[in-house]
Protein backbone atom coordinates (compact mmCIF):
# COMPACT_ATOMS: atom_id res chain seq x y z
CA UNK A 1 22.67 115.66 253.10
CA UNK A 2 23.19 112.21 251.70
CA UNK A 3 21.15 111.73 248.49
CA UNK A 4 18.74 108.90 248.69
CA UNK A 5 20.03 107.42 245.40
CA UNK A 6 23.34 106.93 247.15
CA UNK A 7 21.88 104.68 249.79
CA UNK A 8 21.57 101.64 247.44
CA UNK A 9 24.99 100.64 246.04
CA UNK A 10 25.78 97.34 244.47
CA UNK A 11 25.75 94.62 247.17
CA UNK A 12 29.16 93.53 248.40
CA UNK A 13 29.03 90.24 250.22
CA UNK A 14 31.75 90.33 253.00
CA UNK A 15 30.61 87.21 254.92
CA UNK A 16 27.21 86.05 255.99
CA UNK A 17 28.74 85.13 259.42
CA UNK A 18 29.28 88.71 260.25
CA UNK A 19 27.35 89.41 263.51
CA UNK A 20 27.37 92.17 266.11
CA UNK A 21 26.63 95.81 266.67
CA UNK A 22 27.54 98.56 264.21
CA UNK A 23 27.42 102.11 265.36
CA UNK A 24 26.26 104.28 262.57
CA UNK A 25 26.31 108.05 262.20
CA UNK A 26 23.09 108.60 260.33
CA UNK A 27 22.77 111.74 258.26
CA UNK A 28 19.62 113.94 257.91
CA UNK A 29 17.42 112.83 255.07
CA UNK A 30 17.07 108.99 254.98
CA UNK A 31 14.77 107.23 257.43
CA UNK A 32 16.19 104.62 259.81
CA UNK A 33 14.49 101.89 257.56
CA UNK A 34 16.41 103.41 254.65
CA UNK A 35 19.66 103.06 256.47
CA UNK A 36 18.96 99.43 257.48
CA UNK A 37 18.08 98.49 253.87
CA UNK A 38 21.15 100.19 252.45
CA UNK A 39 23.49 98.51 254.93
CA UNK A 40 21.79 95.11 254.27
CA UNK A 41 22.48 95.61 250.51
CA UNK A 42 26.07 96.88 250.95
CA UNK A 43 27.17 94.14 253.38
CA UNK A 44 25.30 91.35 251.73
CA UNK A 45 23.73 90.36 255.07
CA UNK A 46 20.23 88.91 255.28
CA UNK A 47 19.29 90.16 258.79
CA UNK A 48 19.93 93.80 259.82
CA UNK A 49 17.95 95.81 262.36
CA UNK A 50 18.29 98.79 264.75
CA UNK A 51 17.51 99.52 268.41
CA UNK A 52 15.75 102.87 268.08
CA UNK A 53 14.18 104.82 265.27
CA UNK A 54 15.56 108.26 264.27
CA UNK A 55 13.23 110.43 262.19
CA UNK A 56 14.41 111.49 258.68
CA UNK A 57 14.90 114.99 260.04
CA UNK A 58 17.22 113.72 262.80
CA UNK A 59 20.76 112.48 262.54
CA UNK A 60 23.35 111.05 264.78
CA UNK A 61 23.85 107.65 266.45
CA UNK A 62 21.81 104.68 265.18
CA UNK A 63 22.63 101.33 266.76
CA UNK A 64 22.54 98.77 264.05
CA UNK A 65 22.38 95.03 264.59
CA UNK A 66 23.94 92.58 262.14
CA UNK A 67 23.20 88.96 261.50
CA UNK A 68 22.17 86.73 264.47
CA UNK A 69 22.76 89.72 266.71
CA UNK A 70 19.35 91.07 265.65
CA UNK A 71 17.93 88.63 268.27
CA UNK A 72 19.80 90.62 270.83
CA UNK A 73 17.60 93.75 270.36
CA UNK A 74 15.59 93.35 273.65
CA UNK A 75 18.83 93.08 275.62
CA UNK A 76 20.80 95.92 274.04
CA UNK A 77 21.05 98.67 276.71
CA UNK A 78 19.60 101.95 275.40
CA UNK A 79 18.85 104.06 278.48
CA UNK A 80 19.38 107.03 278.57
CA UNK A 81 19.31 108.47 275.14
CA UNK A 82 20.97 111.87 274.81
CA UNK A 83 20.20 114.38 272.11
CA UNK A 84 21.41 117.79 271.05
CA UNK A 85 18.62 119.66 269.29
CA UNK A 86 17.55 123.05 267.99
CA UNK A 87 14.20 124.59 268.30
CA UNK A 88 12.70 127.77 266.86
CA UNK A 89 10.29 129.76 269.14
CA UNK A 90 7.23 131.56 267.88
CA UNK A 91 6.21 128.92 265.43
CA UNK A 92 3.72 125.96 265.32
CA UNK A 93 3.32 123.16 262.70
CA UNK A 94 1.18 120.11 262.44
CA UNK A 95 4.24 117.85 262.71
CA UNK A 96 5.94 119.87 265.52
CA UNK A 97 8.94 120.35 263.23
CA UNK A 98 9.96 122.37 260.21
CA UNK A 99 8.70 119.67 257.81
CA UNK A 100 5.01 120.37 258.62
CA UNK A 101 2.29 122.80 257.68
CA UNK A 102 2.29 126.13 259.75
CA UNK A 103 -0.58 126.28 262.25
CA UNK A 104 0.15 129.38 264.27
CA UNK A 105 2.57 130.76 266.79
CA UNK A 106 3.27 134.24 268.28
CA UNK A 107 6.56 136.14 268.76
CA UNK A 108 8.59 135.20 271.83
CA UNK A 109 9.44 138.31 273.93
CA UNK A 110 11.22 136.62 276.87
CA UNK A 111 14.77 135.69 277.47
CA UNK A 112 17.11 132.94 278.33
CA UNK A 113 15.86 132.54 281.88
CA UNK A 114 12.29 131.83 280.76
CA UNK A 115 13.48 129.27 278.30
CA UNK A 116 15.78 127.61 280.91
CA UNK A 117 12.80 127.24 283.28
CA UNK A 118 10.67 125.77 280.59
CA UNK A 119 13.20 123.16 279.62
CA UNK A 120 14.02 122.34 283.17
CA UNK A 121 10.28 121.93 283.85
CA UNK A 122 10.33 118.89 281.46
CA UNK A 123 12.49 116.89 283.84
CA UNK A 124 10.67 113.99 285.53
CA UNK A 125 8.10 111.40 284.39
CA UNK A 126 5.45 112.46 281.85
CA UNK A 127 2.83 110.88 279.63
CA UNK A 128 3.33 111.38 275.92
CA UNK A 129 0.81 110.80 273.12
CA UNK A 130 2.75 109.84 269.96
CA UNK A 131 2.62 112.74 267.43
CA UNK A 132 0.30 112.27 264.44
CA UNK A 133 3.44 112.16 262.20
CA UNK A 134 5.31 109.39 263.90
CA UNK A 135 6.08 105.68 263.34
CA UNK A 136 3.83 104.57 266.33
CA UNK A 137 1.24 102.25 264.92
CA UNK A 138 -2.53 101.90 265.21
CA UNK A 139 -4.07 98.71 263.86
CA UNK A 140 -0.64 97.84 262.37
CA UNK A 141 -0.37 101.03 260.32
CA UNK A 142 2.09 103.93 261.17
CA UNK A 143 0.38 107.09 262.35
CA UNK A 144 2.15 109.03 259.61
CA UNK A 145 0.45 106.83 256.93
CA UNK A 146 -2.90 108.07 258.28
CA UNK A 147 -1.81 111.73 258.67
CA UNK A 148 -0.57 111.94 255.14
CA UNK A 149 -4.03 111.06 254.07
CA UNK A 150 -5.60 113.73 256.34
CA UNK A 151 -6.67 111.20 258.91
CA UNK A 152 -5.33 112.06 262.38
CA UNK A 153 -5.33 109.02 264.65
CA UNK A 154 -4.40 109.10 268.30
CA UNK A 155 -1.74 106.65 269.40
CA UNK A 156 -1.55 104.92 272.68
CA UNK A 157 -0.18 107.23 275.58
CA UNK A 158 2.94 106.08 277.26
CA UNK A 159 5.15 107.03 280.13
CA UNK A 160 8.56 108.44 279.53
CA UNK A 161 11.25 110.07 281.66
CA UNK A 162 13.26 113.17 281.05
CA UNK A 163 16.47 113.00 283.15
CA UNK A 164 17.87 116.34 282.06
CA UNK A 165 16.91 119.19 279.72
CA UNK A 166 18.93 122.42 279.46
CA UNK A 167 19.77 125.47 277.31
CA UNK A 168 23.01 125.45 275.37
CA UNK A 169 22.51 128.63 273.41
CA UNK A 170 19.75 131.26 272.65
CA UNK A 171 20.22 133.46 269.64
CA UNK A 172 18.22 135.41 267.03
CA UNK A 173 17.37 133.66 263.86
CA UNK A 174 15.54 134.66 260.58
CA UNK A 175 12.33 132.98 261.68
CA UNK A 176 12.50 133.80 265.33
CA UNK A 177 14.60 133.03 268.41
CA UNK A 178 16.69 129.87 268.05
CA UNK A 179 17.43 127.65 271.04
CA UNK A 180 20.10 124.95 271.03
CA UNK A 181 19.46 122.45 273.88
CA UNK A 182 20.47 119.16 275.39
CA UNK A 183 18.05 116.51 276.53
CA UNK A 184 18.64 113.21 278.21
CA UNK A 185 15.65 110.89 278.25
CA UNK A 186 14.24 107.28 278.29
CA UNK A 187 13.98 105.33 275.03
CA UNK A 188 10.82 106.00 273.09
CA UNK A 189 10.63 109.64 274.11
CA UNK A 190 9.48 112.03 271.36
CA UNK A 191 11.76 115.02 271.46
CA UNK A 192 9.38 116.91 269.16
CA UNK A 193 6.63 116.61 271.80
CA UNK A 194 9.02 118.07 274.41
CA UNK A 195 9.77 120.97 272.10
CA UNK A 196 6.06 121.52 271.61
CA UNK A 197 5.56 121.36 275.42
CA UNK A 198 8.23 124.14 275.77
CA UNK A 199 6.41 126.28 273.25
CA UNK A 200 3.08 125.77 275.15
CA UNK A 201 4.71 126.79 278.45
CA UNK A 202 6.11 129.95 276.87
CA UNK A 203 2.96 130.74 275.16
CA UNK A 204 4.48 131.27 271.75
CA UNK A 205 4.79 127.87 270.17
CA UNK A 206 8.01 126.03 269.25
CA UNK A 207 9.09 123.64 266.53
CA UNK A 208 11.98 121.25 266.29
CA UNK A 209 14.53 122.44 263.69
CA UNK A 210 17.26 119.94 264.08
CA UNK A 211 18.23 116.93 266.14
CA UNK A 212 21.32 114.72 266.59
CA UNK A 213 21.47 111.63 268.89
CA UNK A 214 24.67 111.80 270.83
CA UNK A 215 24.40 108.52 272.72
CA UNK A 216 22.19 105.52 273.48
CA UNK A 217 22.96 103.62 276.68
CA UNK A 218 26.70 102.95 276.65
CA UNK A 219 27.08 103.70 272.96
CA UNK A 220 28.45 107.01 271.79
CA UNK A 221 28.32 108.93 268.55
CA UNK A 222 31.99 109.63 268.85
CA UNK A 223 32.56 105.92 268.12
CA UNK A 224 30.14 105.76 265.20
CA UNK A 225 31.04 105.50 261.44
CA UNK A 226 29.38 107.84 258.98
CA UNK A 227 26.90 106.02 256.83
CA UNK A 228 28.51 107.29 253.65
CA UNK A 229 31.84 105.74 254.61
CA UNK A 230 30.12 102.41 255.35
CA UNK A 231 28.53 102.34 251.89
CA UNK A 232 31.69 103.54 250.15
CA UNK A 233 33.85 100.83 251.82
CA UNK A 234 31.69 97.98 253.06
CA UNK A 235 34.82 95.82 253.49
CA UNK A 236 36.17 98.12 256.12
CA UNK A 237 33.24 97.64 258.37
CA UNK A 238 34.37 94.34 259.93
CA UNK A 239 36.72 96.00 262.28
CA UNK A 240 34.06 98.41 263.44
CA UNK A 241 31.63 95.70 264.51
CA UNK A 242 31.18 95.22 268.25
CA UNK A 243 30.97 91.46 269.11
CA UNK A 244 27.67 90.34 270.56
CA UNK A 245 29.12 89.45 273.92
CA UNK A 246 30.54 92.98 274.24
CA UNK A 247 27.25 94.69 273.36
CA UNK A 248 25.49 93.62 276.48
CA UNK A 249 27.83 94.91 279.29
CA UNK A 250 24.95 95.12 281.77
CA UNK A 251 24.42 91.26 281.85
CA UNK A 252 26.52 89.09 284.08
CA UNK A 253 28.60 86.56 282.15
CA UNK A 254 28.37 82.86 283.02
CA UNK A 255 31.01 80.57 281.43
CA UNK A 256 30.33 76.98 280.36
CA UNK A 257 32.61 74.08 281.12
CA UNK A 258 33.92 71.60 278.49
CA UNK A 259 31.30 70.03 276.25
CA UNK A 260 28.47 72.02 277.78
CA UNK A 261 28.94 74.65 275.05
CA UNK A 262 27.23 72.26 272.65
CA UNK A 263 24.22 72.05 275.10
CA UNK A 264 24.07 75.81 275.26
CA UNK A 265 24.20 76.23 271.44
CA UNK A 266 21.36 73.73 271.20
CA UNK A 267 19.15 75.61 273.57
CA UNK A 268 19.25 73.07 276.40
CA UNK A 269 18.92 74.08 280.11
CA UNK A 270 22.16 74.30 282.00
CA UNK A 271 23.00 73.09 285.50
CA UNK A 272 25.77 73.69 288.02
CA UNK A 273 27.99 71.00 286.50
CA UNK A 274 27.82 72.58 283.06
CA UNK A 275 29.36 75.81 284.31
CA UNK A 276 32.97 76.71 284.98
CA UNK A 277 32.66 80.30 286.26
CA UNK A 278 29.46 81.33 287.99
CA UNK A 279 29.17 84.85 289.57
CA UNK A 280 26.64 85.59 292.29
CA UNK A 281 23.21 85.22 290.83
CA UNK A 282 19.59 85.90 291.81
CA UNK A 283 16.47 83.99 290.83
CA UNK A 284 14.79 85.62 287.84
CA UNK A 285 17.99 87.33 286.68
CA UNK A 286 18.92 87.41 282.97
CA UNK A 287 22.44 86.37 282.14
CA UNK A 288 24.79 85.84 279.16
CA UNK A 289 26.17 82.38 278.75
CA UNK A 290 29.57 82.52 277.02
CA UNK A 291 32.46 80.43 275.88
CA UNK A 292 35.78 82.36 275.73
CA UNK A 293 34.72 85.44 273.77
CA UNK A 294 31.63 83.89 272.05
CA UNK A 295 28.02 84.53 273.07
CA UNK A 296 26.16 81.21 273.27
CA UNK A 297 22.84 82.35 274.63
CA UNK A 298 20.83 84.58 276.84
CA UNK A 299 19.52 82.58 279.82
CA UNK A 300 17.07 83.05 282.82
CA UNK A 301 18.31 82.04 286.26
CA UNK A 302 15.69 79.53 287.48
CA UNK A 303 17.72 78.70 290.68
CA UNK A 304 20.91 80.33 291.88
CA UNK A 305 21.97 77.51 294.26
CA UNK A 306 22.37 74.99 292.77
CA UNK A 307 22.50 76.87 289.52
CA UNK A 308 19.90 76.15 286.93
CA UNK A 309 19.62 78.25 283.81
CA UNK A 310 16.79 78.14 281.28
CA UNK A 311 17.40 79.47 277.71
CA UNK A 312 15.62 82.57 276.51
CA UNK A 313 17.55 83.03 273.18
CA UNK A 314 20.49 81.06 271.76
CA UNK A 315 23.22 82.33 269.37
CA UNK A 316 24.92 79.37 267.69
CA UNK A 317 26.86 81.56 265.32
CA UNK A 318 27.66 84.46 267.60
């Protein structure tokens, strides 16, 4: 586990113009906010964000946005998210994981088949209520802030989807049967709640004991850089940053012609004559306007023929 004191090295400015997506392998321990702050200090960049929170207990892929690319957050593909996790059967806690206060549980006397059926039963659309110890907010305050004071507020229910849930391994552990599992789900899904649901179906209780995010949309953990390495060598990050235009593969690319790049950078609407390469478009579609390998803006198709594009967000420095 990476010590928290190691998350805040002396700032090393490597260029305020650095912009794009950095895939980070987050260790267990620090929060996603801790990671963002440490990277901001290490790289000397004013704006750093991420596209999906990982709990302190969880590790794995954190998609971090640098510089003006933070404005890309709504357009970064993140569905599905795939996790490898571990649960312990026969336990319950108030946080649905090992960090919490024990609240019960009974021994699990079944086998792999029962666990397989319980996990596969999660597949489909479901309504989740954010756990009391989560970053979901009520009146602008995270639920965990209330819970730590003994106040248990209920977050707003939301619909999520589970695309796949399966057993990888079932073995005996010191505290009860241990299940390694894989789950593929929509963004915003609380895996702790899924584990809790498995415990309810099995009638014994279950808690999350470990979790690693393996992928988020098109981004993979195999391509991520460990946080410790980033903090030890901030200057080596530049080659790891994915350019903004490459971070939105799902959006069609529309290229500008000649001096129209200046119009795009200023946030002006674009018309047929401003464009040099126009793919088939549909009214209401969101597209990326580019010049060579630079992203100039995210635009809305007002009219496909003749083409009229209205700016949603511009990226003069991307």
